[in-house]
């Protein structure tokens, strides 16, 4: 093999080394990006699940609030009715 051919072969191998290193770095970056994406997708799924649970809790609390308001209004009406009856009795006793 002529000396010139050896120089060309070693020169070509040396030229490919930086390209090979760039490709290997790119592969590592891609692996890291895929891992980060998988973590982000798991986190997003977990957050969606938590959000769904919170939405259910909010709906339950809204229903309870409506029930409590209705009960409060019923109690208020009954108390006003009793106060009216007490006032009527007081007026009757005062008139006697």
C-alpha atoms as a PDB file:
ATOM      1  CA  UNK A   1       0.000   0.000   0.000  1.00  0.00           C
ATOM      2  CA  UNK A   2       1.491   3.323  -0.989  1.00  0.00           C
ATOM      3  CA  UNK A   3       2.253   5.871   1.721  1.00  0.00           C
ATOM      4  CA  UNK A   4      -0.169   8.237   0.117  1.00  0.00           C
ATOM      5  CA  UNK A   5      -3.045   5.752   0.584  1.00  0.00           C
ATOM      6  CA  UNK A   6      -2.222   5.360   4.296  1.00  0.00           C
ATOM      7  CA  UNK A   7      -2.309   9.124   4.750  1.00  0.00           C
ATOM      8  CA  UNK A   8      -5.663   9.360   2.978  1.00  0.00           C
ATOM      9  CA  UNK A   9      -7.117   6.514   5.098  1.00  0.00           C
ATOM     10  CA  UNK A  10      -5.942   8.016   8.382  1.00  0.00           C
ATOM     11  CA  UNK A  11      -7.016  11.460   7.242  1.00  0.00           C
ATOM     12  CA  UNK A  12     -10.473  10.150   6.354  1.00  0.00           C
ATOM     13  CA  UNK A  13     -10.807   8.374   9.712  1.00  0.00           C
ATOM     14  CA  UNK A  14      -9.777  11.569  11.484  1.00  0.00           C
ATOM     15  CA  UNK A  15     -12.334  13.553   9.486  1.00  0.00           C
ATOM     16  CA  UNK A  16     -15.122  11.215  10.588  1.00  0.00           C
ATOM     17  CA  UNK A  17     -14.232  11.353  14.278  1.00  0.00           C
ATOM     18  CA  UNK A  18     -15.827  14.785  14.948  1.00  0.00           C
ATOM     19  CA  UNK A  19     -18.904  13.762  12.990  1.00  0.00           C
ATOM     20  CA  UNK A  20     -19.131  10.509  14.944  1.00  0.00           C
ATOM     21  CA  UNK A  21     -18.847  12.441  18.233  1.00  0.00           C
ATOM     22  CA  UNK A  22     -21.588  14.834  17.151  1.00  0.00           C
ATOM     23  CA  UNK A  23     -23.831  11.920  16.242  1.00  0.00           C
ATOM     24  CA  UNK A  24     -23.185  10.236  19.600  1.00  0.00           C
ATOM     25  CA  UNK A  25     -23.961  13.485  21.445  1.00  0.00           C
ATOM     26  CA  UNK A  26     -27.135  13.855  19.408  1.00  0.00           C
ATOM     27  CA  UNK A  27     -28.154  10.299  20.320  1.00  0.00           C
ATOM     28  CA  UNK A  28     -27.560  11.045  24.021  1.00  0.00           C
ATOM     29  CA  UNK A  29     -29.579  14.257  23.762  1.00  0.00           C
ATOM     30  CA  UNK A  30     -32.391  12.350  22.094  1.00  0.00           C
ATOM     31  CA  UNK A  31     -32.369   9.727  24.854  1.00  0.00           C
ATOM     32  CA  UNK A  32     -32.468  12.446  27.511  1.00  0.00           C
ATOM     33  CA  UNK A  33     -35.283  14.234  25.712  1.00  0.00           C
ATOM     34  CA  UNK A  34     -37.300  11.020  25.478  1.00  0.00           C
ATOM     35  CA  UNK A  35     -36.807  10.332  29.186  1.00  0.00           C
ATOM     36  CA  UNK A  36     -37.830  13.885  30.067  1.00  0.00           C
ATOM     37  CA  UNK A  37     -40.897  13.545  27.849  1.00  0.00           C
ATOM     38  CA  UNK A  38     -41.874  10.275  29.547  1.00  0.00           C
ATOM     39  CA  UNK A  39     -41.532  11.916  32.975  1.00  0.00           C
ATOM     40  CA  UNK A  40     -43.568  14.918  31.812  1.00  0.00           C
ATOM     41  CA  UNK A  41     -46.298  12.653  30.418  1.00  0.00           C
ATOM     42  CA  UNK A  42     -46.488  10.726  33.715  1.00  0.00           C
ATOM     43  CA  UNK A  43     -46.665  13.978  35.645  1.00  0.00           C
ATOM     44  CA  UNK A  44     -49.372  15.297  33.325  1.00  0.00           C
ATOM     45  CA  UNK A  45     -51.412  12.116  33.752  1.00  0.00           C
ATOM     46  CA  UNK A  46     -51.066  12.357  37.518  1.00  0.00           C
ATOM     47  CA  UNK A  47     -52.130  15.998  37.483  1.00  0.00           C
ATOM     48  CA  UNK A  48     -55.131  15.188  35.268  1.00  0.00           C
ATOM     49  CA  UNK A  49     -56.175  12.505  37.741  1.00  0.00           C
ATOM     50  CA  UNK A  50     -55.844  14.933  40.649  1.00  0.00           C
ATOM     51  CA  UNK A  51     -57.808  17.540  38.714  1.00  0.00           C
ATOM     52  CA  UNK A  52     -60.611  15.049  38.065  1.00  0.00           C
ATOM     53  CA  UNK A  53     -60.750  14.194  41.770  1.00  0.00           C
ATOM     54  CA  UNK A  54     -60.869  17.871  42.696  1.00  0.00           C
ATOM     55  CA  UNK A  55     -63.626  18.474  40.177  1.00  0.00           C
ATOM     56  CA  UNK A  56     -65.664  15.684  41.795  1.00  0.00           C
ATOM     57  CA  UNK A  57     -65.031  17.174  45.233  1.00  0.00           C
ATOM     58  CA  UNK A  58     -66.088  20.618  44.020  1.00  0.00           C
ATOM     59  CA  UNK A  59     -69.305  19.205  42.595  1.00  0.00           C
ATOM     60  CA  UNK A  60     -70.053  17.393  45.866  1.00  0.00           C
ATOM     61  CA  UNK A  61     -69.410  20.579  47.837  1.00  0.00           C
ATOM     62  CA  UNK A  62     -71.677  22.571  45.505  1.00  0.00           C
ATOM     63  CA  UNK A  63     -74.477  20.092  46.042  1.00  0.00           C
ATOM     64  CA  UNK A  64     -73.971  20.269  49.803  1.00  0.00           C
ATOM     65  CA  UNK A  65     -74.007  24.052  49.666  1.00  0.00           C
ATOM     66  CA  UNK A  66     -77.301  24.064  47.771  1.00  0.00           C
ATOM     67  CA  UNK A  67     -78.743  21.643  50.338  1.00  0.00           C
ATOM     68  CA  UNK A  68     -77.509  23.752  53.267  1.00  0.00           C
ATOM     69  CA  UNK A  69     -78.924  26.934  51.758  1.00  0.00           C
ATOM     70  CA  UNK A  70     -82.275  25.276  51.200  1.00  0.00           C
ATOM     71  CA  UNK A  71     -82.315  23.952  54.777  1.00  0.00           C
ATOM     72  CA  UNK A  72     -81.297  27.364  56.128  1.00  0.00           C
ATOM     73  CA  UNK A  73     -84.167  28.993  54.247  1.00  0.00           C
ATOM     74  CA  UNK A  74     -86.605  26.387  55.606  1.00  0.00           C
ATOM     75  CA  UNK A  75     -85.364  26.977  59.151  1.00  0.00           C
ATOM     76  CA  UNK A  76     -85.608  30.745  58.680  1.00  0.00           C
ATOM     77  CA  UNK A  77     -89.191  30.400  57.468  1.00  0.00           C
ATOM     78  CA  UNK A  78     -90.121  28.174  60.424  1.00  0.00           C
ATOM     79  CA  UNK A  79     -88.466  30.536  62.924  1.00  0.00           C
ATOM     80  CA  UNK A  80     -90.241  33.540  61.419  1.00  0.00           C
ATOM     81  CA  UNK A  81     -93.526  31.647  61.620  1.00  0.00           C
ATOM     82  CA  UNK A  82     -92.912  30.785  65.287  1.00  0.00           C
ATOM     83  CA  UNK A  83     -91.907  34.364  66.067  1.00  0.00           C
ATOM     84  CA  UNK A  84     -95.100  35.535  64.407  1.00  0.00           C
ATOM     85  CA  UNK A  85     -97.129  33.135  66.546  1.00  0.00           C
ATOM     86  CA  UNK A  86     -95.312  34.294  69.707  1.00  0.00           C
ATOM     87  CA  UNK A  87     -95.954  37.903  68.771  1.00  0.00           C
ATOM     88  CA  UNK A  88     -99.628  37.149  68.163  1.00  0.00           C
ATOM     89  CA  UNK A  89     -99.877  35.482  71.582  1.00  0.00           C
ATOM     90  CA  UNK A  90     -98.099  38.407  73.214  1.00  0.00           C
ATOM     91  CA  UNK A  91    -100.483  40.850  71.563  1.00  0.00           C
ATOM     92  CA  UNK A  92    -103.485  38.786  72.696  1.00  0.00           C
ATOM     93  CA  UNK A  93    -102.222  38.721  76.285  1.00  0.00           C
ATOM     94  CA  UNK A  94    -101.544  42.447  76.213  1.00  0.00           C
ATOM     95  CA  UNK A  95    -105.079  43.074  74.889  1.00  0.00           C
ATOM     96  CA  UNK A  96    -106.687  41.121  77.740  1.00  0.00           C
END
